[in-house]
Structures are given as structure tokens and as C-alpha cells.
C-alpha atoms as a PDB file:
ATOM      1  CA  MET A   1      37.572  40.710  70.814  1.00  0.00           C
ATOM      2  CA  PRO A   2      35.485  40.731  73.221  1.00  0.00           C
ATOM      3  CA  TYR A   3      34.550  43.456  75.455  1.00  0.00           C
ATOM      4  CA  LEU A   4      31.596  43.983  77.842  1.00  0.00           C
ATOM      5  CA  ASN A   5      28.995  46.214  77.173  1.00  0.00           C
ATOM      6  CA  GLU A   6      27.807  48.496  80.147  1.00  0.00           C
ATOM      7  CA  ARG A   7      24.126  49.539  77.759  1.00  0.00           C
ATOM      8  CA  LYS A   8      23.559  45.766  78.044  1.00  0.00           C
ATOM      9  CA  GLY A   9      24.795  44.372  80.573  1.00  0.00           C
ATOM     10  CA  GLY A  10      26.591  41.506  78.682  1.00  0.00           C
ATOM     11  CA  ILE A  11      29.738  41.077  76.264  1.00  0.00           C
ATOM     12  CA  SER A  12      29.457  42.305  73.016  1.00  0.00           C
ATOM     13  CA  ASN A  13      31.682  40.835  70.007  1.00  0.00           C
ATOM     14  CA  VAL A  14      34.374  43.806  67.919  1.00  0.00           C
ATOM     15  CA  ASN A  15      34.591  42.428  64.261  1.00  0.00           C
ATOM     16  CA  ASN A  16      31.343  40.316  64.129  1.00  0.00           C
ATOM     17  CA  ARG A  17      31.967  36.892  65.354  1.00  0.00           C
ATOM     18  CA  SER A  18      28.388  35.876  66.037  1.00  0.00           C
ATOM     19  CA  LYS A  19      28.531  35.368  62.748  1.00  0.00           C
ATOM     20  CA  ASP A  20      31.619  32.797  62.112  1.00  0.00           C
ATOM     21  CA  LEU A  21      29.805  30.590  65.580  1.00  0.00           C
ATOM     22  CA  GLU A  22      26.893  30.513  63.202  1.00  0.00           C
ATOM     23  CA  PRO A  23      28.259  27.507  61.507  1.00  0.00           C
ATOM     24  CA  ILE A  24      29.857  25.787  64.519  1.00  0.00           C
ATOM     25  CA  LYS A  25      26.153  26.241  65.660  1.00  0.00           C
ATOM     26  CA  SER A  26      24.468  24.682  63.220  1.00  0.00           C
ATOM     27  CA  GLN A  27      27.063  21.772  63.558  1.00  0.00           C
ATOM     28  CA  ILE A  28      26.339  21.062  67.314  1.00  0.00           C
ATOM     29  CA  LEU A  29      22.714  21.107  66.559  1.00  0.00           C
ATOM     30  CA  LYS A  30      23.287  18.608  64.088  1.00  0.00           C
ATOM     31  CA  LEU A  31      26.102  16.590  66.920  1.00  0.00           C
ATOM     32  CA  ASN A  32      23.357  16.286  69.538  1.00  0.00           C
ATOM     33  CA  THR A  33      20.099  15.469  67.052  1.00  0.00           C
ATOM     34  CA  THR A  34      22.613  12.308  65.617  1.00  0.00           C
ATOM     35  CA  ILE A  35      23.273  11.422  69.343  1.00  0.00           C
ATOM     36  CA  VAL A  36      19.754  11.762  69.940  1.00  0.00           C
ATOM     37  CA  ASN A  37      19.263   9.553  67.026  1.00  0.00           C
ATOM     38  CA  ILE A  38      21.785   6.728  68.029  1.00  0.00           C
ATOM     39  CA  LEU A  39      20.966   6.819  72.039  1.00  0.00           C
ATOM     40  CA  SER A  40      17.140   5.482  70.820  1.00  0.00           C
ATOM     41  CA  GLN A  41      18.627   3.467  68.786  1.00  0.00           C
ATOM     42  CA  ILE A  42      21.141   1.371  71.497  1.00  0.00           C
ATOM     43  CA  LYS A  43      17.881   1.942  73.199  1.00  0.00           C
ATOM     44  CA  THR A  44      16.314  -0.769  70.879  1.00  0.00           C
ATOM     45  CA  LEU A  45      18.977  -3.230  70.679  1.00  0.00           C
ATOM     46  CA  ASN A  46      19.017  -3.224  74.444  1.00  0.00           C
ATOM     47  CA  ALA A  47      15.062  -3.779  74.266  1.00  0.00           C
ATOM     48  CA  GLN A  48      16.006  -6.700  71.782  1.00  0.00           C
ATOM     49  CA  GLN A  49      19.089  -8.060  72.276  1.00  0.00           C
ATOM     50  CA  GLU A  50      17.012  -8.759  75.894  1.00  0.00           C
ATOM     51  CA  LEU A  51      14.118  -9.887  73.807  1.00  0.00           C
ATOM     52  CA  ASP A  52      16.317 -12.336  72.641  1.00  0.00           C
ATOM     53  CA  ASN A  53      18.564 -13.227  75.561  1.00  0.00           C
ATOM     54  CA  GLU A  54      14.924 -14.301  77.238  1.00  0.00           C
ATOM     55  CA  LEU A  55      13.601 -16.747  73.591  1.00  0.00           C
ATOM     56  CA  ARG A  56      17.595 -18.393  74.043  1.00  0.00           C
ATOM     57  CA  GLN A  57      16.837 -19.015  77.887  1.00  0.00           C
ATOM     58  CA  LYS A  58      13.703 -20.301  76.906  1.00  0.00           C
ATOM     59  CA  MET A  59      14.621 -22.488  74.655  1.00  0.00           C
ATOM     60  CA  ALA A  60      17.060 -23.907  76.826  1.00  0.00           C
ATOM     61  CA  ASP A  61      14.972 -24.525  78.734  1.00  0.00           C
ATOM     62  CA  PHE A  62      13.040 -26.244  76.670  1.00  0.00           C
ATOM     63  CA  ILE A  63      16.715 -28.116  74.666  1.00  0.00           C
ATOM     64  CA  SER A  64      18.823 -27.982  77.371  1.00  0.00           C
ATOM     65  CA  TYR A  65      22.474 -29.540  75.088  1.00  0.00           C
ATOM     66  CA  SER A  66      22.638 -32.732  76.576  1.00  0.00           C
ATOM     67  CA  ASP A  67      19.079 -33.551  75.425  1.00  0.00           C
ATOM     68  CA  LYS A  68      20.110 -32.829  71.977  1.00  0.00           C
ATOM     69  CA  LYS A  69      22.952 -34.770  72.570  1.00  0.00           C
ATOM     70  CA  ARG A  70      20.926 -37.718  72.861  1.00  0.00           C
ATOM     71  CA  VAL A  71      18.668 -36.833  70.986  1.00  0.00           C
ATOM     72  CA  ASN A  72      21.885 -37.360  68.018  1.00  0.00           C
ATOM     73  CA  ALA A  73      23.600 -40.089  69.887  1.00  0.00           C
ATOM     74  CA  VAL A  74      19.526 -42.013  69.378  1.00  0.00           C
ATOM     75  CA  VAL A  75      18.595 -41.178  66.293  1.00  0.00           C
ATOM     76  CA  LYS A  76      22.914 -42.587  64.542  1.00  0.00           C
ATOM     77  CA  ASP A  77      21.710 -45.717  66.687  1.00  0.00           C
ATOM     78  CA  ILE A  78      18.206 -45.648  64.097  1.00  0.00           C
ATOM     79  CA  THR A  79      19.850 -45.100  61.585  1.00  0.00           C
ATOM     80  CA  LEU A  80      22.194 -47.858  61.772  1.00  0.00           C
ATOM     81  CA  ILE A  81      19.819 -50.948  62.787  1.00  0.00           C
ATOM     82  CA  LYS A  82      17.479 -49.345  59.485  1.00  0.00           C
ATOM     83  CA  LYS A  83      20.849 -50.322  57.426  1.00  0.00           C
ATOM     84  CA  GLN A  84      21.866 -53.974  59.391  1.00  0.00           C
ATOM     85  CA  ILE A  85      17.640 -54.334  58.544  1.00  0.00           C
ATOM     86  CA  ASN A  86      17.995 -53.942  54.939  1.00  0.00           C
ATOM     87  CA  LEU A  87      21.646 -55.521  54.734  1.00  0.00           C
ATOM     88  CA  SER A  88      20.181 -58.137  56.358  1.00  0.00           C
ATOM     89  CA  LYS A  89      17.094 -58.118  53.658  1.00  0.00           C
ATOM     90  CA  THR A  90      19.496 -57.934  51.177  1.00  0.00           C
ATOM     91  CA  SER A  91      23.432 -59.024  51.886  1.00  0.00           C
ATOM     92  CA  LYS A  92      24.816 -62.383  49.792  1.00  0.00           C
ATOM     93  CA  ILE A  93      25.119 -64.640  53.234  1.00  0.00           C
ATOM     94  CA  LEU A  94      21.807 -64.047  53.879  1.00  0.00           C
ATOM     95  CA  LYS A  95      20.411 -65.204  50.975  1.00  0.00           C
ATOM     96  CA  ASN A  96      22.865 -68.113  50.396  1.00  0.00           C
ATOM     97  CA  LEU A  97      21.418 -69.127  53.511  1.00  0.00           C
ATOM     98  CA  THR A  98      18.040 -69.105  53.290  1.00  0.00           C
ATOM     99  CA  SER A  99      19.184 -71.463  49.043  1.00  0.00           C
ATOM    100  CA  LEU A 100      20.802 -74.077  51.878  1.00  0.00           C
ATOM    101  CA  LYS A 101      17.671 -73.658  54.727  1.00  0.00           C
ATOM    102  CA  GLU A 102      15.268 -74.559  51.459  1.00  0.00           C
ATOM    103  CA  ARG A 103      17.904 -76.929  49.935  1.00  0.00           C
ATOM    104  CA  VAL A 104      18.506 -78.717  53.086  1.00  0.00           C
ATOM    105  CA  ASP A 105      14.594 -78.860  54.134  1.00  0.00           C
ATOM    106  CA  ASN A 106      13.437 -80.409  50.726  1.00  0.00           C
ATOM    107  CA  ILE A 107      16.860 -83.500  51.597  1.00  0.00           C
ATOM    108  CA  GLU A 108      14.335 -83.282  54.718  1.00  0.00           C
ATOM    109  CA  ASP A 109      10.996 -83.806  52.982  1.00  0.00           C
ATOM    110  CA  SER A 110      12.661 -85.779  50.688  1.00  0.00           C
ATOM    111  CA  LEU A 111      14.318 -88.284  52.814  1.00  0.00           C
ATOM    112  CA  VAL A 112      10.591 -88.398  54.936  1.00  0.00           C
ATOM    113  CA  SER A 113       9.267 -89.439  52.206  1.00  0.00           C
ATOM    114  CA  ASP A 114      11.556 -91.798  51.212  1.00  0.00           C
ATOM    115  CA  GLU A 115      11.233 -93.727  54.910  1.00  0.00           C
ATOM    116  CA  GLU A 116       7.226 -93.933  54.349  1.00  0.00           C
ATOM    117  CA  ASP A 117       7.232 -95.233  50.831  1.00  0.00           C
END
């Protein structure tokens, strides 16, 4: 049990309780160092998050959501136009129409040549 030591002007421990407190002191020191490490990691993470937020803001200034929607709409329109062009060149209907036009032209040419003779 602790009691006042009048010669030293403080409290002295009976039965060497300071030896019992040393492992607790070392654990407290370890906790202090880990807390300091965690606080430094939190500071670095906060700094990185601020940088990320700045980059997001800059990117938002460059390309907005409505711009992205418009770009996607234009890309879809372009792909549809490309598909229509490809279909128009190779479609059976267009091939038959061109062959019919050629036949009509041939018949007209033959009629014109017969009239001249």
C-alpha cells in the first residue's frame, strides 16, 4: 500500500509495485507510438483526398455530365449512319434497284438506237 515518505517528499510504493507497472508503461508507450503513426497516416490520406477532390473538380470543369451525354449521343448517331451506309452498299434491295436501272437504261438505249435507224 502506498504511503507518504517524508524524507523524499513524495509517495513511495510498498512491495515494489513499480515493477508491476513497467509492462503497462511499455504498452502505453507502444499505444502512443501507434497513435502517432495512425495520425500521420490520416494526415497523408486527408492530403491525398484533397488532391483527388481537386482533380475531380478540374475534370468536372473540362467535361461535364451533359457533355458526356451529348458525346455518347453523337457517337450513337455516327454508328447508325455507318451502319446505314454499309447496308446501302450491300443491301439486296439496292442491288436489285441498280440492276433494274441498268436494264431500263439498256432498253432506253436500244429504243433510241432503233429509232435512229
